[in-house]
Amino acid sequence: MSVQLTLKSEEPENLRHTEHGATVRPEDLAYAAGFFDGEGCINITRFRWHCTETKRPGVYYKLRVMVTNTDLPVLEWCQRLWGGAILERKVKGNRRRSWSWDLYETDSARFLKDVLPYLKLKRPQADLALEYTRTNRRFGRNTRPPEYMAQRERFYQQMKAMKLPA
C-alpha cells in the first residue's frame, strides 16, 4: 500500500488560477513576488510621436513590467504563468548573457494583481500601476481629452518620483 502525501498548498481550495489561465500555489506567487521585488521594475513610459494624418505631435503612455536576469528558466516559468515576451539582452563587455521578461499593459496588470499581496519593496509602485490601469480608457484616433492626458502625465510623474533615491 502506498501513501500519497499532499502539501496543504496543493489542496484544491489553496490553488489559484492566474488571469493567464495557469494554476499556481500560494508559494509560487510568493516566490514570483520576491523574485520581482529584487530583480524587476515597473515603469509608466511616455512616448512621443508625430501623427502623419493630422500633422500634429502626440504623446501616449504605456505600463511596463520587466525582469532582467541571467537565469533563463525562471523567466520562462514566469512567461508560462503570466504571458509576455522574453528578449535576449545585448552582452556588454565581459558580462554574462541575460534576458528580460517584458509585460505591457493588460499582462502587466494581471501579473501585479496576482503577486500584490506578497510584494514588499515594490508594493507602492504596483498600487500606482494598478490605479493607472483602472483609469485606462479607449478613445477614437487622436481624440484623447486634455484632462485624460493630464491624468496620464500625473501617473507618469508619480511613478518617476518613486524611483528617485531618497
N, C-alpha and C. Protein backbone atom coordinates (compact mmCIF):
# COMPACT_ATOMS: atom_id res chain seq x y z
N MET A 1 0.85 -1.16 0.00
CA MET A 1 0.00 0.00 0.00
C MET A 1 0.90 1.24 0.00
N SER A 2 0.62 2.18 -0.91
CA SER A 2 1.43 3.38 -0.96
C SER A 2 0.62 4.56 -0.42
N VAL A 3 1.31 5.44 0.23
CA VAL A 3 0.67 6.61 0.82
C VAL A 3 1.12 7.82 0.01
N GLN A 4 0.16 8.62 -0.42
CA GLN A 4 0.49 9.82 -1.18
C GLN A 4 0.29 11.04 -0.29
N LEU A 5 1.36 11.78 -0.12
CA LEU A 5 1.26 12.99 0.69
C LEU A 5 0.88 14.17 -0.19
N THR A 6 0.00 14.98 0.30
CA THR A 6 -0.40 16.18 -0.43
C THR A 6 -0.05 17.38 0.43
N LEU A 7 0.71 18.28 -0.14
CA LEU A 7 1.01 19.52 0.58
C LEU A 7 -0.28 20.30 0.77
N LYS A 8 -0.41 20.95 1.89
CA LYS A 8 -1.60 21.75 2.16
C LYS A 8 -1.84 22.76 1.04
N SER A 9 -0.76 23.31 0.50
CA SER A 9 -0.90 24.33 -0.56
C SER A 9 -1.36 23.72 -1.88
N GLU A 10 -1.31 22.39 -2.00
CA GLU A 10 -1.75 21.76 -3.25
C GLU A 10 -3.19 21.27 -3.17
N GLU A 11 -3.84 21.46 -2.01
CA GLU A 11 -5.25 21.11 -1.91
C GLU A 11 -6.03 22.10 -2.77
N PRO A 12 -7.11 21.63 -3.42
CA PRO A 12 -7.83 22.47 -4.38
C PRO A 12 -8.21 23.86 -3.88
N GLU A 13 -8.58 23.97 -2.61
CA GLU A 13 -9.01 25.30 -2.12
C GLU A 13 -7.85 26.28 -2.00
N ASN A 14 -6.60 25.79 -2.04
CA ASN A 14 -5.44 26.68 -1.94
C ASN A 14 -4.80 27.01 -3.28
N LEU A 15 -5.19 26.30 -4.34
CA LEU A 15 -4.63 26.59 -5.66
C LEU A 15 -5.31 27.82 -6.24
N ARG A 16 -4.55 28.61 -6.98
CA ARG A 16 -5.10 29.80 -7.62
C ARG A 16 -4.87 29.69 -9.11
N HIS A 17 -5.67 30.38 -9.86
CA HIS A 17 -5.50 30.44 -11.31
C HIS A 17 -5.09 31.85 -11.68
N THR A 18 -4.01 31.96 -12.43
CA THR A 18 -3.60 33.28 -12.89
C THR A 18 -4.59 33.70 -13.97
N GLU A 19 -4.60 34.99 -14.24
CA GLU A 19 -5.51 35.50 -15.28
C GLU A 19 -5.08 34.98 -16.65
N HIS A 20 -3.87 34.46 -16.73
CA HIS A 20 -3.36 33.90 -17.99
C HIS A 20 -3.80 32.43 -18.14
N GLY A 21 -4.46 31.89 -17.09
CA GLY A 21 -5.01 30.54 -17.17
C GLY A 21 -4.19 29.46 -16.52
N ALA A 22 -3.06 29.79 -15.91
CA ALA A 22 -2.20 28.79 -15.28
C ALA A 22 -2.63 28.60 -13.82
N THR A 23 -2.37 27.41 -13.30
CA THR A 23 -2.65 27.11 -11.90
C THR A 23 -1.37 27.27 -11.09
N VAL A 24 -1.46 28.02 -10.00
CA VAL A 24 -0.29 28.25 -9.16
C VAL A 24 -0.62 28.06 -7.69
N ARG A 25 0.39 27.69 -6.94
CA ARG A 25 0.26 27.56 -5.50
C ARG A 25 0.62 28.90 -4.85
N PRO A 26 0.15 29.14 -3.64
CA PRO A 26 0.50 30.40 -2.97
C PRO A 26 2.00 30.62 -2.86
N GLU A 27 2.76 29.54 -2.63
CA GLU A 27 4.21 29.74 -2.52
C GLU A 27 4.85 30.11 -3.86
N ASP A 28 4.21 29.72 -4.99
CA ASP A 28 4.69 30.15 -6.31
C ASP A 28 4.49 31.66 -6.46
N LEU A 29 3.35 32.15 -6.01
CA LEU A 29 3.08 33.58 -6.08
C LEU A 29 4.05 34.35 -5.18
N ALA A 30 4.31 33.80 -4.00
CA ALA A 30 5.26 34.44 -3.08
C ALA A 30 6.67 34.45 -3.68
N TYR A 31 7.07 33.34 -4.31
CA TYR A 31 8.38 33.28 -4.95
C TYR A 31 8.48 34.30 -6.07
N ALA A 32 7.44 34.35 -6.93
CA ALA A 32 7.44 35.30 -8.05
C ALA A 32 7.51 36.73 -7.54
N ALA A 33 6.78 37.03 -6.46
CA ALA A 33 6.80 38.38 -5.89
C ALA A 33 8.18 38.73 -5.35
N GLY A 34 8.82 37.79 -4.64
CA GLY A 34 10.15 38.05 -4.11
C GLY A 34 11.18 38.22 -5.21
N PHE A 35 11.08 37.38 -6.23
CA PHE A 35 11.97 37.48 -7.39
C PHE A 35 11.79 38.84 -8.06
N PHE A 36 10.53 39.22 -8.25
CA PHE A 36 10.22 40.50 -8.89
C PHE A 36 10.66 41.68 -8.02
N ASP A 37 10.43 41.60 -6.71
CA ASP A 37 10.85 42.66 -5.79
C ASP A 37 12.36 42.93 -5.92
N GLY A 38 13.13 41.86 -6.09
CA GLY A 38 14.58 42.02 -6.17
C GLY A 38 15.14 42.31 -7.54
N GLU A 39 14.50 41.79 -8.57
CA GLU A 39 15.08 41.85 -9.92
C GLU A 39 14.25 42.65 -10.94
N GLY A 40 13.04 43.01 -10.58
CA GLY A 40 12.14 43.61 -11.57
C GLY A 40 12.01 45.11 -11.47
N CYS A 41 11.24 45.66 -12.40
CA CYS A 41 10.91 47.08 -12.35
C CYS A 41 9.53 47.33 -12.96
N ILE A 42 8.92 48.39 -12.53
CA ILE A 42 7.62 48.82 -13.02
C ILE A 42 7.82 50.22 -13.59
N ASN A 43 7.39 50.44 -14.81
CA ASN A 43 7.51 51.76 -15.45
C ASN A 43 6.20 52.17 -16.09
N ILE A 44 5.94 53.45 -16.06
CA ILE A 44 4.95 54.04 -16.95
C ILE A 44 5.80 54.87 -17.90
N THR A 45 5.81 54.49 -19.14
CA THR A 45 6.70 55.11 -20.12
C THR A 45 5.91 56.10 -20.98
N ARG A 46 6.52 57.23 -21.25
CA ARG A 46 5.90 58.24 -22.11
C ARG A 46 6.58 58.18 -23.47
N PHE A 47 5.76 58.06 -24.50
CA PHE A 47 6.25 58.02 -25.88
C PHE A 47 5.77 59.27 -26.61
N ARG A 48 6.65 59.82 -27.40
CA ARG A 48 6.28 60.96 -28.26
C ARG A 48 6.29 60.48 -29.70
N TRP A 49 5.32 60.92 -30.46
CA TRP A 49 5.23 60.52 -31.86
C TRP A 49 4.63 61.67 -32.66
N HIS A 50 4.72 61.59 -33.96
CA HIS A 50 4.17 62.60 -34.85
C HIS A 50 3.16 61.92 -35.77
N CYS A 51 1.91 62.35 -35.68
CA CYS A 51 0.85 61.75 -36.49
C CYS A 51 0.96 62.23 -37.93
N THR A 52 1.09 61.30 -38.86
CA THR A 52 1.23 61.67 -40.27
C THR A 52 -0.09 62.15 -40.86
N GLU A 53 -1.22 61.75 -40.28
CA GLU A 53 -2.53 62.17 -40.80
C GLU A 53 -2.87 63.60 -40.39
N THR A 54 -2.72 63.91 -39.10
CA THR A 54 -3.10 65.24 -38.62
C THR A 54 -1.94 66.23 -38.63
N LYS A 55 -0.74 65.72 -38.87
CA LYS A 55 0.48 66.54 -38.86
C LYS A 55 0.74 67.18 -37.50
N ARG A 56 0.19 66.56 -36.43
CA ARG A 56 0.40 67.08 -35.08
C ARG A 56 1.22 66.09 -34.27
N PRO A 57 2.04 66.62 -33.35
CA PRO A 57 2.76 65.71 -32.45
C PRO A 57 1.79 65.12 -31.43
N GLY A 58 2.14 63.98 -30.90
CA GLY A 58 1.29 63.34 -29.91
C GLY A 58 2.12 62.68 -28.82
N VAL A 59 1.43 62.29 -27.77
CA VAL A 59 2.06 61.61 -26.65
C VAL A 59 1.16 60.45 -26.25
N TYR A 60 1.76 59.32 -25.87
CA TYR A 60 0.98 58.26 -25.26
C TYR A 60 1.82 57.60 -24.18
N TYR A 61 1.14 56.88 -23.29
CA TYR A 61 1.78 56.28 -22.12
C TYR A 61 1.51 54.79 -22.11
N LYS A 62 2.48 54.04 -21.59
CA LYS A 62 2.34 52.59 -21.52
C LYS A 62 2.90 52.06 -20.22
N LEU A 63 2.15 51.14 -19.60
CA LEU A 63 2.63 50.46 -18.40
C LEU A 63 3.50 49.28 -18.82
N ARG A 64 4.64 49.15 -18.17
CA ARG A 64 5.56 48.06 -18.49
C ARG A 64 6.11 47.46 -17.19
N VAL A 65 6.09 46.15 -17.13
CA VAL A 65 6.72 45.40 -16.04
C VAL A 65 7.83 44.58 -16.69
N MET A 66 9.01 44.60 -16.06
CA MET A 66 10.15 43.92 -16.67
C MET A 66 11.02 43.28 -15.59
N VAL A 67 11.54 42.11 -15.89
CA VAL A 67 12.52 41.45 -15.04
C VAL A 67 13.69 41.05 -15.92
N THR A 68 14.89 41.46 -15.56
CA THR A 68 16.09 41.07 -16.29
C THR A 68 16.90 40.14 -15.40
N ASN A 69 17.39 39.03 -15.99
CA ASN A 69 18.12 38.06 -15.19
C ASN A 69 18.97 37.19 -16.10
N THR A 70 19.96 36.53 -15.50
CA THR A 70 20.81 35.61 -16.25
C THR A 70 20.27 34.18 -16.20
N ASP A 71 19.23 33.94 -15.44
CA ASP A 71 18.64 32.61 -15.28
C ASP A 71 17.41 32.49 -16.18
N LEU A 72 17.60 32.02 -17.40
CA LEU A 72 16.51 31.93 -18.37
C LEU A 72 15.36 31.04 -17.91
N PRO A 73 15.60 29.87 -17.30
CA PRO A 73 14.47 29.02 -16.90
C PRO A 73 13.47 29.69 -15.97
N VAL A 74 13.91 30.53 -15.05
CA VAL A 74 12.95 31.17 -14.15
C VAL A 74 12.12 32.20 -14.91
N LEU A 75 12.72 32.85 -15.90
CA LEU A 75 11.95 33.80 -16.73
C LEU A 75 10.94 33.04 -17.60
N GLU A 76 11.33 31.88 -18.10
CA GLU A 76 10.41 31.07 -18.90
C GLU A 76 9.24 30.57 -18.04
N TRP A 77 9.52 30.25 -16.78
CA TRP A 77 8.46 29.85 -15.85
C TRP A 77 7.46 30.99 -15.67
N CYS A 78 7.97 32.20 -15.48
CA CYS A 78 7.10 33.38 -15.34
C CYS A 78 6.28 33.60 -16.61
N GLN A 79 6.91 33.43 -17.76
CA GLN A 79 6.20 33.62 -19.03
C GLN A 79 5.07 32.60 -19.19
N ARG A 80 5.32 31.35 -18.78
CA ARG A 80 4.26 30.33 -18.87
C ARG A 80 3.07 30.70 -18.00
N LEU A 81 3.33 31.31 -16.86
CA LEU A 81 2.24 31.65 -15.94
C LEU A 81 1.52 32.95 -16.30
N TRP A 82 2.26 33.94 -16.79
CA TRP A 82 1.66 35.26 -17.00
C TRP A 82 1.79 35.82 -18.41
N GLY A 83 2.38 35.10 -19.32
CA GLY A 83 2.49 35.62 -20.69
C GLY A 83 3.68 36.56 -20.83
N GLY A 84 3.57 37.46 -21.78
CA GLY A 84 4.66 38.40 -22.02
C GLY A 84 5.67 37.85 -23.01
N ALA A 85 6.77 38.53 -23.13
CA ALA A 85 7.82 38.15 -24.08
C ALA A 85 9.16 38.10 -23.37
N ILE A 86 10.02 37.21 -23.82
CA ILE A 86 11.39 37.13 -23.32
C ILE A 86 12.32 37.56 -24.45
N LEU A 87 13.16 38.53 -24.13
CA LEU A 87 14.10 39.06 -25.12
C LEU A 87 15.52 38.87 -24.61
N GLU A 88 16.41 38.47 -25.49
CA GLU A 88 17.81 38.35 -25.10
C GLU A 88 18.42 39.74 -25.11
N ARG A 89 19.15 40.06 -24.06
CA ARG A 89 19.79 41.36 -23.94
C ARG A 89 21.15 41.32 -24.62
N LYS A 90 21.58 42.45 -25.11
CA LYS A 90 22.89 42.55 -25.73
C LYS A 90 23.97 42.42 -24.66
N VAL A 91 24.96 41.55 -24.91
CA VAL A 91 26.05 41.34 -23.97
C VAL A 91 27.01 42.52 -24.07
N LYS A 92 27.33 43.12 -22.93
CA LYS A 92 28.25 44.25 -22.89
C LYS A 92 29.50 43.85 -22.14
N GLY A 93 30.63 44.05 -22.76
CA GLY A 93 31.90 43.75 -22.10
C GLY A 93 32.01 42.27 -21.74
N ASN A 94 32.44 42.01 -20.52
CA ASN A 94 32.61 40.62 -20.09
C ASN A 94 31.43 40.13 -19.23
N ARG A 95 30.29 40.77 -19.36
CA ARG A 95 29.10 40.36 -18.60
C ARG A 95 28.51 39.07 -19.15
N ARG A 96 27.76 38.40 -18.29
CA ARG A 96 27.10 37.15 -18.69
C ARG A 96 25.89 37.45 -19.58
N ARG A 97 25.49 36.45 -20.34
CA ARG A 97 24.26 36.56 -21.13
C ARG A 97 23.09 36.80 -20.19
N SER A 98 22.15 37.63 -20.62
CA SER A 98 20.96 37.86 -19.80
C SER A 98 19.75 38.04 -20.71
N TRP A 99 18.59 37.91 -20.09
CA TRP A 99 17.32 38.02 -20.80
C TRP A 99 16.40 38.92 -20.01
N SER A 100 15.43 39.50 -20.68
CA SER A 100 14.42 40.26 -19.97
C SER A 100 13.04 39.68 -20.30
N TRP A 101 12.24 39.58 -19.29
CA TRP A 101 10.85 39.17 -19.43
C TRP A 101 10.02 40.44 -19.35
N ASP A 102 9.32 40.77 -20.42
CA ASP A 102 8.59 42.03 -20.51
C ASP A 102 7.09 41.79 -20.61
N LEU A 103 6.36 42.58 -19.84
CA LEU A 103 4.90 42.57 -19.89
C LEU A 103 4.43 44.01 -20.11
N TYR A 104 3.40 44.18 -20.91
CA TYR A 104 2.84 45.51 -21.15
C TYR A 104 1.36 45.52 -20.82
N GLU A 105 0.91 46.69 -20.38
CA GLU A 105 -0.49 47.00 -20.14
C GLU A 105 -1.27 45.89 -19.44
N THR A 106 -2.16 45.17 -20.15
CA THR A 106 -3.05 44.19 -19.53
C THR A 106 -2.29 43.07 -18.85
N ASP A 107 -1.28 42.50 -19.53
CA ASP A 107 -0.49 41.43 -18.92
C ASP A 107 0.24 41.93 -17.67
N SER A 108 0.72 43.17 -17.70
CA SER A 108 1.37 43.76 -16.52
C SER A 108 0.41 43.80 -15.34
N ALA A 109 -0.80 44.28 -15.60
CA ALA A 109 -1.80 44.40 -14.54
C ALA A 109 -2.17 43.04 -13.98
N ARG A 110 -2.30 42.04 -14.83
CA ARG A 110 -2.63 40.69 -14.36
C ARG A 110 -1.55 40.15 -13.43
N PHE A 111 -0.31 40.30 -13.85
CA PHE A 111 0.80 39.84 -13.01
C PHE A 111 0.81 40.57 -11.67
N LEU A 112 0.70 41.90 -11.72
CA LEU A 112 0.77 42.68 -10.48
C LEU A 112 -0.38 42.33 -9.53
N LYS A 113 -1.57 42.09 -10.06
CA LYS A 113 -2.71 41.70 -9.21
C LYS A 113 -2.42 40.38 -8.51
N ASP A 114 -1.82 39.44 -9.23
CA ASP A 114 -1.54 38.12 -8.65
C ASP A 114 -0.49 38.18 -7.54
N VAL A 115 0.55 38.98 -7.72
CA VAL A 115 1.64 38.99 -6.74
C VAL A 115 1.51 40.10 -5.69
N LEU A 116 0.56 40.99 -5.86
CA LEU A 116 0.42 42.15 -4.97
C LEU A 116 0.43 41.81 -3.47
N PRO A 117 -0.31 40.78 -3.02
CA PRO A 117 -0.31 40.51 -1.58
C PRO A 117 1.07 40.13 -1.02
N TYR A 118 1.98 39.71 -1.89
CA TYR A 118 3.29 39.24 -1.45
C TYR A 118 4.40 40.26 -1.66
N LEU A 119 4.13 41.35 -2.37
CA LEU A 119 5.17 42.35 -2.64
C LEU A 119 5.52 43.12 -1.37
N LYS A 120 6.77 43.46 -1.25
CA LYS A 120 7.25 44.27 -0.13
C LYS A 120 7.79 45.60 -0.65
N LEU A 121 8.89 45.56 -1.38
CA LEU A 121 9.55 46.78 -1.85
C LEU A 121 8.77 47.51 -2.93
N LYS A 122 8.22 46.78 -3.85
CA LYS A 122 7.57 47.40 -5.00
C LYS A 122 6.05 47.58 -4.81
N ARG A 123 5.56 47.36 -3.61
CA ARG A 123 4.12 47.47 -3.36
C ARG A 123 3.57 48.87 -3.73
N PRO A 124 4.20 49.97 -3.30
CA PRO A 124 3.66 51.29 -3.67
C PRO A 124 3.63 51.52 -5.18
N GLN A 125 4.68 51.06 -5.88
CA GLN A 125 4.70 51.20 -7.34
C GLN A 125 3.62 50.34 -7.99
N ALA A 126 3.42 49.13 -7.46
CA ALA A 126 2.39 48.23 -8.01
C ALA A 126 1.00 48.82 -7.78
N ASP A 127 0.77 49.41 -6.60
CA ASP A 127 -0.52 50.04 -6.33
C ASP A 127 -0.79 51.17 -7.33
N LEU A 128 0.23 51.99 -7.58
CA LEU A 128 0.07 53.09 -8.54
C LEU A 128 -0.17 52.55 -9.95
N ALA A 129 0.57 51.51 -10.33
CA ALA A 129 0.40 50.92 -11.67
C ALA A 129 -1.01 50.36 -11.84
N LEU A 130 -1.54 49.72 -10.81
CA LEU A 130 -2.89 49.16 -10.91
C LEU A 130 -3.94 50.27 -10.95
N GLU A 131 -3.70 51.36 -10.24
CA GLU A 131 -4.61 52.51 -10.33
C GLU A 131 -4.56 53.09 -11.75
N TYR A 132 -3.38 53.16 -12.32
CA TYR A 132 -3.21 53.63 -13.70
C TYR A 132 -4.05 52.77 -14.66
N THR A 133 -4.00 51.45 -14.50
CA THR A 133 -4.75 50.58 -15.41
C THR A 133 -6.26 50.70 -15.19
N ARG A 134 -6.68 50.95 -13.95
CA ARG A 134 -8.12 51.11 -13.68
C ARG A 134 -8.68 52.37 -14.34
N THR A 135 -7.83 53.35 -14.59
CA THR A 135 -8.30 54.59 -15.19
C THR A 135 -8.09 54.62 -16.70
N ASN A 136 -7.60 53.52 -17.27
CA ASN A 136 -7.39 53.44 -18.72
C ASN A 136 -8.72 53.56 -19.46
N ARG A 137 -8.74 54.30 -20.52
CA ARG A 137 -9.93 54.46 -21.36
C ARG A 137 -9.53 54.35 -22.83
N ARG A 138 -10.47 53.92 -23.63
CA ARG A 138 -10.26 53.87 -25.09
C ARG A 138 -10.96 55.07 -25.72
N PHE A 139 -10.25 55.70 -26.63
CA PHE A 139 -10.81 56.83 -27.36
C PHE A 139 -10.57 56.59 -28.84
N GLY A 140 -11.26 57.34 -29.65
CA GLY A 140 -11.01 57.27 -31.09
C GLY A 140 -9.63 57.82 -31.40
N ARG A 141 -9.24 57.66 -32.60
CA ARG A 141 -7.91 58.09 -33.03
C ARG A 141 -7.73 59.60 -32.82
N ASN A 142 -6.66 59.97 -32.14
CA ASN A 142 -6.30 61.37 -31.91
C ASN A 142 -7.37 62.18 -31.18
N THR A 143 -8.15 61.53 -30.31
CA THR A 143 -9.22 62.26 -29.63
C THR A 143 -9.15 62.14 -28.12
N ARG A 144 -7.98 61.98 -27.56
CA ARG A 144 -7.87 61.87 -26.11
C ARG A 144 -8.09 63.25 -25.49
N PRO A 145 -9.06 63.37 -24.58
CA PRO A 145 -9.32 64.68 -23.96
C PRO A 145 -8.12 65.17 -23.16
N PRO A 146 -7.93 66.49 -23.11
CA PRO A 146 -6.78 67.05 -22.37
C PRO A 146 -6.75 66.63 -20.90
N GLU A 147 -7.92 66.53 -20.24
CA GLU A 147 -7.93 66.13 -18.82
C GLU A 147 -7.47 64.68 -18.65
N TYR A 148 -7.77 63.82 -19.62
CA TYR A 148 -7.31 62.44 -19.57
C TYR A 148 -5.79 62.39 -19.73
N MET A 149 -5.27 63.17 -20.67
CA MET A 149 -3.83 63.20 -20.90
C MET A 149 -3.09 63.81 -19.71
N ALA A 150 -3.71 64.77 -19.04
CA ALA A 150 -3.10 65.36 -17.84
C ALA A 150 -3.04 64.31 -16.73
N GLN A 151 -4.07 63.49 -16.63
CA GLN A 151 -4.09 62.41 -15.63
C GLN A 151 -2.98 61.40 -15.93
N ARG A 152 -2.81 61.03 -17.21
CA ARG A 152 -1.74 60.10 -17.60
C ARG A 152 -0.38 60.67 -17.22
N GLU A 153 -0.20 61.96 -17.48
CA GLU A 153 1.07 62.62 -17.16
C GLU A 153 1.32 62.60 -15.65
N ARG A 154 0.27 62.81 -14.85
CA ARG A 154 0.44 62.76 -13.39
C ARG A 154 0.89 61.37 -12.94
N PHE A 155 0.29 60.32 -13.51
CA PHE A 155 0.72 58.95 -13.18
C PHE A 155 2.19 58.75 -13.56
N TYR A 156 2.55 59.21 -14.74
CA TYR A 156 3.93 59.10 -15.22
C TYR A 156 4.89 59.78 -14.24
N GLN A 157 4.56 61.02 -13.84
CA GLN A 157 5.42 61.78 -12.93
C GLN A 157 5.49 61.14 -11.53
N GLN A 158 4.36 60.62 -11.05
CA GLN A 158 4.35 59.96 -9.74
C GLN A 158 5.25 58.72 -9.75
N MET A 159 5.16 57.92 -10.80
CA MET A 159 6.00 56.71 -10.88
C MET A 159 7.46 57.11 -10.96
N LYS A 160 7.75 58.12 -11.74
CA LYS A 160 9.13 58.61 -11.89
C LYS A 160 9.68 59.08 -10.55
N ALA A 161 8.85 59.77 -9.76
CA ALA A 161 9.28 60.28 -8.45
C ALA A 161 9.56 59.14 -7.47
N MET A 162 8.82 58.02 -7.60
CA MET A 162 9.04 56.88 -6.71
C MET A 162 10.39 56.22 -6.94
N LYS A 163 10.98 56.46 -8.10
CA LYS A 163 12.24 55.81 -8.44
C LYS A 163 13.46 56.65 -8.07
N LEU A 164 13.24 57.88 -7.64
CA LEU A 164 14.36 58.75 -7.26
C LEU A 164 14.93 58.30 -5.93
N PRO A 165 16.25 58.38 -5.77
CA PRO A 165 16.85 58.00 -4.49
C PRO A 165 16.36 58.93 -3.37
N ALA A 166 16.20 58.36 -2.19
CA ALA A 166 15.69 59.15 -1.04
C ALA A 166 16.72 60.10 -0.51
